[in-house]
Each structure stands twice: as structure tokens, then as C-alpha cells.
Amino acid sequence: MNEISDITNNLKIIISDNMKTEFGKNHNFDKIKSYADYVKYVPLSDYSDYRSYIDEMTEKGTNPLTAYSVYCFCKSSGTEGFQKTIPLTEKAINLYGCQIEKGVMNLYESAKKRAKQGSRFLVNTFRTDLDEPAEKYMLLSEAYYRFLYLNGYISVDNIVGGKELLFDKKSLDFLYAKVWSAILTKDIISIEGIFQYDILLFFGYLSDSWERIISDIRRGSIPDNINISERMKKKLLNMPVSFQRLDYVYEQCKKGFENIAPRLWKNLSFISGIGYKDSLSENRLLSSFVGNVKKYYFSFCSSECYSGNAVTTDSFAYELIKSNGFYEFIEYDCDCPNESTDVVLQSHELDVGKTYELVVTNFSGLYRYKTGDILRITDMSGKLPLYEFVRRKNHNLNIAGEKTNSSHIEYIIKKLSVNFSELISYCFGTIMEEHKGRYIAFISFRTKPHLQEEKKVSNLLDRLLCEINLDYNDLRILGSVLPLKAIILTENDYNLQIKRCFQIIGTINLYIFYRNSRLKCL
């Protein structure tokens, strides 16, 4: 392929390598010599353009989209209202491998050098079996960390609990094990999760169960009702126990949990996990546990592409990772989304302060794929933009990466209307109760049903949301989010309640539907 200045190296590689695939033949890859050619022959796309290709890949084992071997298929909540299955190739994950841990490890090594010693503490346990071939379908985080460990990009020697607490396919009560191991470990330098919300769940579990777990450690036994594997139990029971450490933890927890993290782990330097700027109540709750400990917002990634690393601590800005794909940006007006145009720009053409939808061409078989992620450009680093995540294109409710969107909500409301035909208006939001989040729904009927119907509606909506959004279903199985709660109101009461919600928007992240209108974010 000719060296043309207006086409990036990544795009050249992708076009050249995939010229003989079915997709490449259908889209004239052999004629593409420049970025202008690429735009000419390959239209902007969304998931619907790939469904038949991906169905063929999962059902027949063929590879019409990409010449690269598939590592696994990632399940993801869909912008279009159904779950997506996104291929992740060996080529892509090899590109990601050396970058996923880069920012966290730089922070950890610097902190360890200052403290002379110290461990990393990961609150997640990844449900994958390292002794078996990679599962066909995996969560993105499971695929990442399995790959990191098996290819030497992550060392478990400096991670509390080692391999046994980091990878376990069977243990639902893994937070019990995490709290046990954290109590016994004095020299923790970093507390890390995939999401900051995962860290909040850890501290919530700690505050609810510290006394019981300290008692279990003293007795050297784990109750039968704790659902963890024998391998994990053995690891916990073999950890060295310092009764002086247990006494210290007991006294600190007895004083309360405000600023508990730096009290229990004096060398704690930072926490790390994906976070969202608009998650005010979550951020506030987490800060009550960790005080002024620095927050590192880790990465900006999706099943489609790992596209950004956090620039620094206590900042929501990410730097675009140039090696993981080819990126384009569609101008997007957050105030008038329906009037946004399909003006497509490359990364060096962006304006600071403006918002854009991210479009990726990746190494896993997606070409000019509209991700639905809306980004605001905060600065430029050379020709690469620094950006903040604003929201999903069609808005979303989000507690821990499940990204429930307007299509999901419209689906469950349509199903609800089959049983409750007098439904008038509805709104959905997220709310933090103690240490966990839940979805809250205000439902307006022409006449107010009996109070017992409120529980029935709550259960039905929760079940329907589990059906349409499997990421939400996964969180519910793990107990990471509380059940959806519906509050049934008459039309007059509904309008009054919505006015009240405007006054407590820091507590409830509220998204309003008026009858059958599209989602409006307050």
C-alpha cells in the first residue's frame, strides 16, 4: 500500500491486513490508498451493520470481519437496546496488554519507592479459570486480566491474596475474602477496582461486616454460609495473623468509618478505578471512606476499543491512546442532539471545549463504528486530544458500567403497559442508599393502584431490566446493586414529586420521560 500522508499507520495496517476478508472485499479495501478513499468506500456504522457477521462468527466459527484470530467475544449492554456481542482479537488484546497497567503501575512503583515496601489491593475477583482455555464469552475485564496474568504483564506477587483471590470462577461472596485479606495486610499502597463503585462496595462490606470477620479470623474458621471456593478458603486460612494488627483494626473501626482507609493503611497512596464526573453521590460516599487519598480514574475503555488512559490523579481527563486503533469524531451538540450533523473529523482537527461522538476503527473487525460515547475535548497534547467522558449518545443510567439507556427503559415500560394500561408518565434515576446503588422509578397512573401493586411493579421492572440488560442482571446476581424500586403516584402527585427531585439532584441522578417522549437528562 502506498505511503499516503493523510492516512495513519494504524489504518494502513488494518486495511492491508484485512483486504481479503469478506468485509474487506465488500468494501473495496484493495482500492483504499488514502483517508479520503476510506471515507468513500466505508460508511459510518453501528452494531446493526455487524450483527449478521458476528452471528456467523459465533455460530459457524468463521471470520468474515477480520483476519486476526479471535481471543473471545465480549458481552456488552447495547446502545440500540439489546445486548451486543463484540469480538476481541488476539491482535487487539496484545496491543492493549502493555498499556492497561501502565498508569497504575507507574503510580504504584513511585509510591512503593517512597514507602520502601507495600502491596496492591484489588477489590475485584475475575471469574475465569486460568487452568482452562479462554472462555468463548467473557466480560471485558475478565478477558483483560486473564491475558495480563498469563502473558506476564501483571505480577501477583505484590497483590494481596495473590492468584487465588484475583481469579475465581465460583465465589459469589468474594468481598468477604477481600475484607479478610485487607484486614490482615498492614502495608497496602493502592486500592484498585475496575470501577470506583467496586471500591465503594468493598468499603460498604467492610463497614457492615468488620466485627464478624475479625471474630472469624481470631477463631480461624469461615462460616459454611459464606459462598467461596475451597481454594479461596484455604488461601485465607493460611494467611499470617497478627493479633496486634487485629486489635488495631478493631479499635479503628469502632471509632467509625469516616476517613477509615488512611487510618487502616497508613501508606495508602491512591485508589484506582473508572469513575464518572456526574456520579456526585457515589463520589461523595467514597470520599467519606478514603478522605483526601488521591483518586486515579484508570482508563476509558469499552468492548469496542481501549482508547484512553487517565492523565493524572484527581482528574477525569483521558489521553487518547494512538496505537490501539484509528479514531474519528462526529460533531455533537449536547444541547440539541437531534440537530447534530455527521461532520466527521480526525483527532488533530478537534476544537477544545467542543463535544464529539467517538468513532473507532479497531483491530477486532469494526470499521468506522459509532460508539455512542460523547466526549468533551479539554486540551490537546500535540496532535492527540485530552478528553472527558460526558455521557452515552442516547443518555444512560449507570451505576457500575451497565449503561441502561433509553431503549432499555422504553422496552420495560412497553412490557409494563401490557399489565397496567393506565400508565401516563414515568421517570427513572439512580440513587445511592448507604453503600449501594439502585434504580428508582416514579410511575404515574391515572388512578393510584393499591399499595401492594408498588412491590409488584418494582419486581416486574427489575426482572424486565435484567432480561434486556445482561450487565445489570450480572450486577444483581452478584448483589452489587439493590433491586429496582418503583414509586407509584397519581398524575398530580407525580408532578409534585418531580419538582422535589430537582431540589435533591445531588442525591438522585434523575432522567425524565414525559409519557412516550425520548429521554431528557436533568
Protein backbone atom coordinates (compact mmCIF):
# COMPACT_ATOMS: atom_id res chain seq x y z
CA MET A 1 0.00 0.00 0.00
CA ASN A 2 1.35 3.45 -0.93
CA GLU A 3 2.65 5.77 1.79
CA ILE A 4 0.00 8.50 1.82
CA SER A 5 0.35 11.31 4.34
CA ASP A 6 -3.35 11.63 5.16
CA ILE A 7 -3.83 8.06 6.35
CA THR A 8 -2.48 6.94 9.72
CA ASN A 9 -0.24 3.96 10.21
CA ASN A 10 -2.90 2.04 12.15
CA LEU A 11 -5.43 2.48 9.39
CA LYS A 12 -2.93 1.37 6.78
CA ILE A 13 -2.18 -1.79 8.74
CA ILE A 14 -5.85 -2.60 9.32
CA ILE A 15 -6.80 -2.07 5.66
CA SER A 16 -3.81 -4.04 4.36
CA ASP A 17 -4.23 -6.97 6.75
CA ASN A 18 -7.99 -7.29 6.19
CA MET A 19 -8.12 -6.81 2.43
CA LYS A 20 -9.06 -10.43 1.76
CA THR A 21 -11.75 -10.74 4.42
CA GLU A 22 -15.38 -10.82 3.37
CA PHE A 23 -15.88 -7.35 4.82
CA GLY A 24 -12.75 -6.07 3.08
CA LYS A 25 -13.89 -7.40 -0.28
CA ASN A 26 -17.38 -5.98 0.20
CA HIS A 27 -15.94 -2.54 0.94
CA ASN A 28 -13.19 -2.29 -1.68
CA PHE A 29 -10.24 -2.37 0.71
CA ASP A 30 -7.99 -3.04 -2.29
CA LYS A 31 -8.87 0.42 -3.67
CA ILE A 32 -8.20 2.36 -0.45
CA LYS A 33 -4.99 4.39 -0.75
CA SER A 34 -5.88 7.37 1.44
CA TYR A 35 -8.19 8.51 4.22
CA ALA A 36 -10.45 10.07 1.58
CA ASP A 37 -10.75 6.65 -0.09
CA TYR A 38 -11.59 5.08 3.27
CA VAL A 39 -14.42 7.56 3.81
CA LYS A 40 -15.62 6.94 0.24
CA TYR A 41 -15.83 3.15 0.46
CA VAL A 42 -16.60 2.53 4.14
CA PRO A 43 -19.68 4.25 5.59
CA LEU A 44 -20.17 5.12 9.24
CA SER A 45 -21.65 2.12 11.02
CA ASP A 46 -23.36 0.90 14.17
CA TYR A 47 -23.88 -2.53 15.67
CA SER A 48 -26.78 -3.41 13.37
CA ASP A 49 -24.30 -3.40 10.46
CA TYR A 50 -22.31 -6.20 12.11
CA ARG A 51 -24.93 -8.47 13.61
CA SER A 52 -25.05 -10.95 10.72
CA TYR A 53 -21.25 -11.06 10.52
CA ILE A 54 -20.89 -11.65 14.28
CA ASP A 55 -23.68 -14.25 14.30
CA GLU A 56 -21.74 -16.13 11.64
CA MET A 57 -18.56 -15.89 13.71
CA THR A 58 -20.19 -17.21 16.90
CA GLU A 59 -22.32 -19.90 15.23
CA LYS A 60 -20.05 -21.18 12.47
CA GLY A 61 -16.59 -20.25 13.73
CA THR A 62 -15.78 -18.33 10.53
CA ASN A 63 -14.16 -14.90 10.49
CA PRO A 64 -15.73 -12.61 7.87
CA LEU A 65 -14.82 -9.37 9.67
CA THR A 66 -11.15 -9.66 10.47
CA ALA A 67 -8.05 -11.61 9.54
CA TYR A 68 -6.92 -11.69 13.17
CA SER A 69 -7.68 -14.66 15.45
CA VAL A 70 -10.49 -14.06 17.93
CA TYR A 71 -9.48 -14.22 21.60
CA CYS A 72 -13.06 -14.16 22.90
CA PHE A 73 -16.40 -12.40 22.47
CA CYS A 74 -17.29 -9.66 24.95
CA LYS A 75 -20.85 -9.17 26.08
CA SER A 76 -21.88 -5.55 26.40
CA SER A 77 -25.07 -3.60 27.04
CA GLY A 78 -26.23 -2.18 23.73
CA THR A 79 -26.84 1.41 22.73
CA GLU A 80 -29.60 0.12 20.45
CA GLY A 81 -31.44 -1.56 23.33
CA PHE A 82 -30.22 -5.14 23.02
CA GLN A 83 -27.06 -6.77 24.26
CA LYS A 84 -24.09 -6.63 21.91
CA THR A 85 -21.53 -9.34 21.27
CA ILE A 86 -18.21 -7.74 20.35
CA PRO A 87 -15.23 -9.78 19.07
CA LEU A 88 -11.90 -9.17 20.81
CA THR A 89 -8.95 -10.41 18.76
CA GLU A 90 -5.52 -11.63 19.77
CA LYS A 91 -4.07 -8.68 17.85
CA ALA A 92 -6.12 -6.15 19.79
CA ILE A 93 -5.51 -7.57 23.24
CA ASN A 94 -1.79 -7.83 22.53
CA LEU A 95 -1.80 -4.12 21.70
CA TYR A 96 -3.70 -3.36 24.90
CA GLY A 97 -1.59 -5.63 27.10
CA CYS A 98 1.35 -3.37 27.84
CA GLN A 99 -0.91 -0.32 28.31
CA ILE A 100 -3.71 -1.44 30.63
CA GLU A 101 -1.49 -1.48 33.73
CA LYS A 102 0.85 1.31 32.68
CA GLY A 103 -0.60 4.27 34.58
CA VAL A 104 -1.47 2.31 37.71
CA MET A 105 1.95 0.65 37.86
CA ASN A 106 3.75 3.98 37.48
CA LEU A 107 1.81 5.33 40.46
CA TYR A 108 2.33 2.15 42.46
CA GLU A 109 6.07 1.94 41.83
CA SER A 110 6.55 5.61 42.79
CA ALA A 111 4.55 5.15 45.99
CA LYS A 112 6.36 1.91 46.84
CA LYS A 113 9.70 3.63 46.41
CA ARG A 114 8.68 6.31 48.91
CA ALA A 115 7.23 3.81 51.41
CA LYS A 116 10.09 1.27 50.93
CA GLN A 117 7.53 -1.56 50.69
CA GLY A 118 3.84 -2.15 50.13
CA SER A 119 1.18 -4.14 48.30
CA ARG A 120 -1.54 -3.55 45.75
CA PHE A 121 -5.07 -4.45 46.80
CA LEU A 122 -7.59 -5.29 44.05
CA VAL A 123 -11.21 -5.42 45.18
CA ASN A 124 -12.36 -7.38 42.10
CA THR A 125 -12.21 -11.13 41.63
CA PHE A 126 -12.28 -12.12 37.96
CA ARG A 127 -14.48 -15.07 37.08
CA THR A 128 -12.27 -17.01 34.72
CA ASP A 129 -10.49 -20.34 35.04
CA LEU A 130 -6.79 -19.90 34.36
CA ASP A 131 -6.26 -23.65 34.02
CA GLU A 132 -8.68 -23.90 31.10
CA PRO A 133 -8.67 -22.31 27.60
CA ALA A 134 -10.20 -18.83 27.44
CA GLU A 135 -13.97 -18.91 27.62
CA LYS A 136 -15.79 -18.09 24.38
CA TYR A 137 -17.82 -15.33 26.06
CA MET A 138 -16.20 -13.16 28.72
CA LEU A 139 -16.63 -9.83 30.38
CA LEU A 140 -14.06 -7.39 29.07
CA SER A 141 -12.40 -7.09 32.49
CA GLU A 142 -12.11 -10.89 32.77
CA ALA A 143 -10.51 -11.11 29.33
CA TYR A 144 -8.09 -8.27 30.13
CA TYR A 145 -6.82 -9.57 33.44
CA ARG A 146 -6.67 -13.18 32.34
CA PHE A 147 -4.49 -12.05 29.43
CA LEU A 148 -2.34 -9.79 31.64
CA TYR A 149 -1.59 -12.60 34.07
CA LEU A 150 -0.95 -15.37 31.54
CA ASN A 151 1.37 -13.14 29.49
CA GLY A 152 3.37 -11.72 32.37
CA TYR A 153 2.02 -8.16 32.25
CA ILE A 154 0.81 -8.33 35.84
CA SER A 155 2.62 -9.85 38.82
CA VAL A 156 0.51 -11.35 41.59
CA ASP A 157 3.49 -11.34 43.94
CA ASN A 158 2.69 -7.78 45.02
CA ILE A 159 -1.11 -8.21 45.02
CA VAL A 160 -2.82 -9.03 48.31
CA GLY A 161 -4.15 -12.60 48.20
CA GLY A 162 -2.26 -13.49 45.04
CA LYS A 163 -3.77 -15.53 42.23
CA GLU A 164 -6.29 -17.28 44.49
CA LEU A 165 -8.12 -14.08 45.38
CA LEU A 166 -7.71 -12.44 41.98
CA PHE A 167 -9.16 -15.24 39.82
CA ASP A 168 -12.03 -17.45 40.95
CA LYS A 169 -14.98 -18.55 38.86
CA LYS A 170 -17.20 -19.84 41.68
CA SER A 171 -17.01 -17.48 44.67
CA LEU A 172 -20.02 -15.16 44.91
CA ASP A 173 -19.03 -13.88 48.38
CA PHE A 174 -15.58 -12.77 47.26
CA LEU A 175 -15.94 -9.47 49.16
CA TYR A 176 -15.81 -11.48 52.38
CA ALA A 177 -12.40 -12.78 51.27
CA LYS A 178 -11.29 -9.31 50.20
CA VAL A 179 -12.16 -7.77 53.58
CA TRP A 180 -10.47 -10.66 55.44
CA SER A 181 -7.24 -10.23 53.47
CA ALA A 182 -7.28 -6.42 53.72
CA ILE A 183 -7.73 -6.51 57.49
CA LEU A 184 -4.63 -8.69 57.80
CA THR A 185 -2.48 -6.58 55.45
CA LYS A 186 -0.88 -3.53 57.01
CA ASP A 187 1.18 -2.20 54.10
CA ILE A 188 -1.42 -1.58 51.35
CA ILE A 189 -0.29 1.19 48.99
CA SER A 190 -3.10 1.16 46.44
CA ILE A 191 -6.75 0.07 46.46
CA GLU A 192 -7.88 -0.73 42.93
CA GLY A 193 -11.06 -1.78 41.16
CA ILE A 194 -12.39 -1.79 37.63
CA PHE A 195 -14.81 0.92 38.76
CA GLN A 196 -14.63 3.32 41.67
CA TYR A 197 -18.05 1.90 42.54
CA ASP A 198 -16.39 -1.50 43.14
CA ILE A 199 -14.21 0.17 45.77
CA LEU A 200 -17.29 1.73 47.36
CA LEU A 201 -18.87 -1.75 47.58
CA PHE A 202 -15.74 -3.02 49.31
CA PHE A 203 -15.90 -0.29 51.95
CA GLY A 204 -19.62 -0.86 52.37
CA TYR A 205 -18.97 -4.55 53.02
CA LEU A 206 -16.15 -3.67 55.42
CA SER A 207 -18.36 -1.30 57.41
CA ASP A 208 -21.15 -3.89 57.61
CA SER A 209 -19.08 -6.97 58.46
CA TRP A 210 -15.77 -5.93 60.08
CA GLU A 211 -16.63 -7.17 63.56
CA ARG A 212 -17.89 -10.55 62.33
CA ILE A 213 -14.87 -11.11 60.08
CA ILE A 214 -12.37 -10.14 62.78
CA SER A 215 -14.08 -12.69 65.02
CA ASP A 216 -13.83 -15.33 62.26
CA ILE A 217 -10.12 -14.59 61.81
CA ARG A 218 -9.50 -14.96 65.56
CA ARG A 219 -11.27 -18.33 65.55
CA GLY A 220 -9.54 -19.39 62.35
CA SER A 221 -12.77 -20.51 60.70
CA ILE A 222 -15.03 -19.41 57.85
CA PRO A 223 -18.81 -19.91 58.25
CA ASP A 224 -20.43 -22.50 55.98
CA ASN A 225 -22.88 -19.93 54.62
CA ILE A 226 -20.07 -17.91 53.01
CA ASN A 227 -20.10 -18.81 49.31
CA ILE A 228 -16.41 -19.02 48.40
CA SER A 229 -14.39 -21.85 46.87
CA GLU A 230 -12.26 -24.27 48.86
CA ARG A 231 -9.18 -22.84 47.19
CA MET A 232 -10.08 -19.34 48.36
CA LYS A 233 -10.87 -20.58 51.89
CA LYS A 234 -7.50 -22.31 52.08
CA LYS A 235 -5.73 -19.12 50.99
CA LEU A 236 -7.45 -17.05 53.68
CA LEU A 237 -6.86 -19.56 56.47
CA ASN A 238 -3.15 -19.78 55.59
CA MET A 239 -2.57 -16.03 55.76
CA PRO A 240 -0.32 -14.97 58.69
CA VAL A 241 -2.37 -13.50 61.56
CA SER A 242 -1.12 -10.68 63.77
CA PHE A 243 -3.37 -10.25 66.80
CA GLN A 244 -1.83 -6.84 67.36
CA ARG A 245 -3.00 -5.89 63.86
CA LEU A 246 -6.49 -7.27 64.58
CA ASP A 247 -6.70 -5.22 67.79
CA TYR A 248 -5.67 -2.10 65.89
CA VAL A 249 -8.23 -2.64 63.11
CA TYR A 250 -10.92 -3.34 65.70
CA GLU A 251 -10.24 -0.08 67.55
CA GLN A 252 -10.15 1.98 64.35
CA CYS A 253 -13.41 0.51 63.00
CA LYS A 254 -15.07 1.02 66.38
CA LYS A 255 -14.37 4.76 66.04
CA GLY A 256 -16.41 4.88 62.80
CA PHE A 257 -15.72 4.80 59.10
CA GLU A 258 -15.14 8.43 58.27
CA ASN A 259 -11.66 8.54 56.71
CA ILE A 260 -11.15 4.86 57.58
CA ALA A 261 -8.84 3.98 54.65
CA PRO A 262 -5.80 6.08 55.61
CA ARG A 263 -6.29 5.08 59.25
CA LEU A 264 -6.15 1.35 58.49
CA TRP A 265 -3.42 1.62 55.84
CA LYS A 266 -1.03 4.44 56.67
CA ASN A 267 0.95 4.08 53.44
CA LEU A 268 -2.15 4.20 51.21
CA SER A 269 -1.21 6.47 48.31
CA PHE A 270 -4.11 6.25 45.82
CA ILE A 271 -7.25 4.43 44.76
CA SER A 272 -7.81 3.49 41.14
CA GLY A 273 -10.93 2.70 39.13
CA ILE A 274 -13.10 4.06 36.34
CA GLY A 275 -15.27 6.90 37.58
CA TYR A 276 -17.75 9.37 36.17
CA LYS A 277 -17.77 13.09 36.75
CA ASP A 278 -21.54 13.26 37.19
CA SER A 279 -21.71 10.50 39.85
CA LEU A 280 -21.93 13.05 42.65
CA SER A 281 -23.43 10.87 45.37
CA GLU A 282 -21.06 7.98 44.64
CA ASN A 283 -18.02 10.26 44.71
CA ARG A 284 -19.18 11.85 47.95
CA LEU A 285 -19.74 8.49 49.67
CA LEU A 286 -16.40 7.13 48.53
CA SER A 287 -14.60 10.25 49.77
CA SER A 288 -16.13 9.73 53.21
CA PHE A 289 -14.18 6.44 53.40
CA VAL A 290 -10.90 7.47 51.75
CA GLY A 291 -10.65 11.14 52.77
CA ASN A 292 -8.06 13.02 50.76
CA VAL A 293 -6.42 9.92 49.25
CA LYS A 294 -5.81 10.59 45.56
CA LYS A 295 -8.20 9.09 43.00
CA TYR A 296 -6.93 7.78 39.69
CA TYR A 297 -9.69 7.21 37.15
CA PHE A 298 -7.72 4.45 35.39
CA SER A 299 -8.91 4.17 31.81
CA PHE A 300 -11.53 4.91 29.22
CA CYS A 301 -12.47 1.66 27.56
CA SER A 302 -15.35 -0.23 26.06
CA SER A 303 -15.79 -3.60 24.40
CA GLU A 304 -15.14 -1.84 21.09
CA CYS A 305 -11.79 -0.28 21.98
CA TYR A 306 -9.44 0.54 24.85
CA SER A 307 -8.98 4.15 23.85
CA GLY A 308 -7.77 6.26 26.77
CA ASN A 309 -5.56 6.36 29.85
CA ALA A 310 -6.12 8.74 32.75
CA VAL A 311 -3.74 11.68 32.54
CA THR A 312 -3.16 12.18 36.27
CA THR A 313 -4.75 11.64 39.66
CA ASP A 314 -7.89 13.55 40.69
CA SER A 315 -8.69 14.38 37.06
CA PHE A 316 -11.38 12.94 34.80
CA ALA A 317 -9.29 13.69 31.70
CA TYR A 318 -8.02 10.89 29.46
CA GLU A 319 -5.37 10.91 26.76
CA LEU A 320 -6.25 9.14 23.52
CA ILE A 321 -4.13 6.02 23.02
CA LYS A 322 -2.89 6.32 19.47
CA SER A 323 -1.71 2.73 18.98
CA ASN A 324 -4.99 0.88 19.62
CA GLY A 325 -6.98 1.91 16.59
CA PHE A 326 -7.91 4.64 14.17
CA TYR A 327 -10.20 7.33 15.55
CA GLU A 328 -12.69 9.75 14.05
CA PHE A 329 -15.04 12.19 15.73
CA ILE A 330 -18.55 13.31 14.83
CA GLU A 331 -19.55 16.80 15.92
CA TYR A 332 -22.24 16.54 18.60
CA ASP A 333 -24.28 19.27 20.26
CA CYS A 334 -25.32 18.10 23.74
CA ASP A 335 -27.95 20.87 23.94
CA CYS A 336 -29.52 19.96 20.59
CA PRO A 337 -28.62 16.28 19.99
CA ASN A 338 -31.28 15.79 17.33
CA GLU A 339 -29.75 18.59 15.28
CA SER A 340 -26.19 17.22 15.37
CA THR A 341 -24.62 16.72 11.95
CA ASP A 342 -22.45 13.95 10.55
CA VAL A 343 -19.42 16.23 10.24
CA VAL A 344 -16.54 13.79 10.75
CA LEU A 345 -13.13 14.98 11.89
CA GLN A 346 -9.78 13.38 12.68
CA SER A 347 -8.13 13.78 16.08
CA HIS A 348 -5.87 16.68 15.08
CA GLU A 349 -8.87 18.69 13.78
CA LEU A 350 -10.80 18.91 17.06
CA ASP A 351 -11.62 22.07 18.98
CA VAL A 352 -11.02 22.34 22.71
CA GLY A 353 -14.30 22.72 24.60
CA LYS A 354 -16.49 21.05 21.95
CA THR A 355 -18.21 17.67 22.24
CA TYR A 356 -17.95 14.79 19.78
CA GLU A 357 -19.11 11.21 19.36
CA LEU A 358 -16.17 8.81 19.22
CA VAL A 359 -15.88 6.65 16.08
CA VAL A 360 -13.39 3.78 16.06
CA THR A 361 -11.79 1.51 13.54
CA ASN A 362 -10.21 -1.20 15.65
CA PHE A 363 -8.09 -4.31 15.36
CA SER A 364 -11.08 -6.56 16.11
CA GLY A 365 -13.17 -6.09 12.96
CA LEU A 366 -15.14 -2.88 13.49
CA TYR A 367 -14.78 -0.17 10.86
CA ARG A 368 -15.87 3.46 11.33
CA TYR A 369 -18.00 2.24 14.22
CA LYS A 370 -20.06 4.87 16.07
CA THR A 371 -19.53 4.03 19.74
CA GLY A 372 -22.24 6.28 21.15
CA ASP A 373 -19.70 7.72 23.63
CA ILE A 374 -19.84 11.51 23.84
CA LEU A 375 -16.55 13.17 24.74
CA ARG A 376 -15.63 16.76 25.56
CA ILE A 377 -12.18 17.87 24.42
CA THR A 378 -10.37 19.52 27.33
CA ASP A 379 -6.94 20.10 25.79
CA MET A 380 -4.56 18.91 23.10
CA SER A 381 -1.29 17.09 23.71
CA GLY A 382 0.49 17.59 20.41
CA LYS A 383 -1.99 16.22 17.86
CA LEU A 384 -3.71 13.97 20.39
CA PRO A 385 -6.76 15.20 22.30
CA LEU A 386 -7.29 15.07 26.04
CA TYR A 387 -10.95 14.44 26.78
CA GLU A 388 -13.60 13.82 29.42
CA PHE A 389 -16.45 11.37 29.06
CA VAL A 390 -19.76 13.27 29.02
CA ARG A 391 -22.39 10.58 28.54
CA ARG A 392 -23.75 8.00 26.14
CA LYS A 393 -25.35 9.38 23.00
CA ASN A 394 -28.88 8.44 23.95
CA HIS A 395 -28.27 9.10 27.65
CA ASN A 396 -27.92 6.40 30.22
CA LEU A 397 -28.40 5.42 33.80
CA ASN A 398 -25.20 3.94 35.09
CA ILE A 399 -24.11 2.58 38.46
CA ALA A 400 -21.22 0.24 37.64
CA GLY A 401 -20.81 0.14 33.87
CA GLU A 402 -24.17 -1.44 32.99
CA LYS A 403 -25.26 1.65 30.99
CA THR A 404 -29.02 1.34 30.93
CA ASN A 405 -30.25 3.58 28.15
CA SER A 406 -33.49 4.93 26.73
CA SER A 407 -34.05 1.86 24.55
CA HIS A 408 -33.86 -0.39 27.60
CA ILE A 409 -36.30 1.83 29.51
CA GLU A 410 -38.73 2.01 26.61
CA TYR A 411 -38.69 -1.79 26.38
CA ILE A 412 -39.55 -2.37 30.05
CA ILE A 413 -42.21 0.37 30.06
CA LYS A 414 -43.85 -1.18 26.99
CA LYS A 415 -43.94 -4.53 28.78
CA LEU A 416 -45.27 -2.89 31.95
CA SER A 417 -48.06 -1.20 29.98
CA VAL A 418 -49.43 -4.61 28.98
CA ASN A 419 -50.47 -5.16 32.61
CA PHE A 420 -51.06 -1.52 33.60
CA SER A 421 -52.80 0.21 30.71
CA GLU A 422 -53.49 3.48 32.54
CA LEU A 423 -49.81 4.41 32.78
CA ILE A 424 -49.34 8.12 31.99
CA SER A 425 -45.82 9.31 32.82
CA TYR A 426 -42.64 7.83 34.17
CA CYS A 427 -39.09 8.75 35.09
CA PHE A 428 -36.07 6.71 36.10
CA GLY A 429 -32.96 7.55 38.05
CA THR A 430 -30.18 6.09 40.17
CA ILE A 431 -29.85 6.64 43.88
CA MET A 432 -27.24 5.64 46.45
CA GLU A 433 -28.63 4.05 49.59
CA GLU A 434 -25.96 3.55 52.24
CA HIS A 435 -23.16 1.96 50.19
CA LYS A 436 -25.01 0.53 47.20
CA GLY A 437 -26.84 1.99 44.26
CA ARG A 438 -30.28 1.14 43.00
CA TYR A 439 -32.59 2.25 40.21
CA ILE A 440 -35.60 4.27 41.23
CA ALA A 441 -38.69 4.70 39.05
CA PHE A 442 -41.51 7.18 39.52
CA ILE A 443 -44.59 5.84 37.74
CA SER A 444 -47.75 7.87 37.21
CA PHE A 445 -51.13 6.18 36.68
CA ARG A 446 -54.48 7.79 36.00
CA THR A 447 -55.68 6.37 39.30
CA LYS A 448 -53.35 5.26 42.05
CA PRO A 449 -53.28 1.45 42.42
CA HIS A 450 -53.28 -0.24 45.82
CA LEU A 451 -50.01 -0.05 47.72
CA GLN A 452 -49.33 -3.75 47.23
CA GLU A 453 -49.11 -3.05 43.48
CA GLU A 454 -45.99 -0.95 44.11
CA LYS A 455 -44.00 -4.02 45.07
CA LYS A 456 -45.42 -5.94 42.11
CA VAL A 457 -44.40 -3.15 39.70
CA SER A 458 -40.93 -2.94 41.31
CA ASN A 459 -40.33 -6.65 40.90
CA LEU A 460 -41.64 -6.71 37.34
CA LEU A 461 -39.48 -3.76 36.22
CA ASP A 462 -36.41 -5.23 37.90
CA ARG A 463 -36.96 -8.58 36.19
CA LEU A 464 -37.56 -6.96 32.81
CA LEU A 465 -34.44 -4.84 33.14
CA CYS A 466 -32.42 -7.98 33.91
CA GLU A 467 -33.81 -9.50 30.70
CA ILE A 468 -32.92 -6.60 28.43
CA ASN A 469 -29.62 -5.54 30.03
CA LEU A 470 -27.49 -8.54 30.99
CA ASP A 471 -24.83 -6.31 32.54
CA TYR A 472 -27.47 -5.12 35.01
CA ASN A 473 -28.52 -8.74 35.52
CA ASP A 474 -24.92 -9.64 36.34
CA LEU A 475 -24.71 -6.90 38.96
CA ARG A 476 -27.98 -8.06 40.51
CA ILE A 477 -26.74 -11.68 40.73
CA LEU A 478 -23.58 -10.51 42.48
CA GLY A 479 -25.60 -8.28 44.81
CA SER A 480 -23.65 -5.25 43.60
CA VAL A 481 -26.82 -3.20 43.09
CA LEU A 482 -30.04 -3.21 45.08
CA PRO A 483 -33.36 -4.18 43.44
CA LEU A 484 -35.14 -1.54 41.40
CA LYS A 485 -37.70 0.38 43.44
CA ALA A 486 -40.87 1.79 41.88
CA ILE A 487 -42.87 4.58 43.48
CA ILE A 488 -46.41 4.76 42.13
CA LEU A 489 -48.12 8.15 42.02
CA THR A 490 -51.18 9.84 40.63
CA GLU A 491 -50.55 12.38 37.88
CA ASN A 492 -50.77 15.35 40.28
CA ASP A 493 -48.52 13.69 42.84
CA TYR A 494 -46.10 12.78 40.06
CA ASN A 495 -45.63 16.41 39.01
CA LEU A 496 -45.03 17.46 42.62
CA GLN A 497 -42.54 14.65 43.13
CA ILE A 498 -40.56 15.63 40.05
CA LYS A 499 -40.28 19.19 41.37
CA ARG A 500 -38.90 17.79 44.61
CA CYS A 501 -36.31 15.80 42.70
CA PHE A 502 -34.95 18.98 41.16
CA GLN A 503 -34.05 20.05 44.69
CA ILE A 504 -32.16 16.83 45.54
CA ILE A 505 -30.44 16.19 42.23
CA GLY A 506 -27.12 15.63 44.07
CA THR A 507 -28.67 12.56 45.68
CA ILE A 508 -30.68 11.23 42.74
CA ASN A 509 -29.27 11.18 39.22
CA LEU A 510 -32.60 11.63 37.51
CA TYR A 511 -33.66 11.09 33.90
CA ILE A 512 -37.16 12.14 32.94
CA PHE A 513 -39.61 10.66 30.47
CA TYR A 514 -42.84 12.54 29.80
CA ARG A 515 -45.32 9.97 28.55
CA ASN A 516 -43.70 8.43 25.47
CA SER A 517 -41.16 11.16 24.79
CA ARG A 518 -37.45 10.46 24.50
CA LEU A 519 -35.17 10.64 27.50
CA LYS A 520 -34.38 14.05 28.91
CA CYS A 521 -31.50 14.39 31.36
CA LEU A 522 -31.94 16.91 34.18
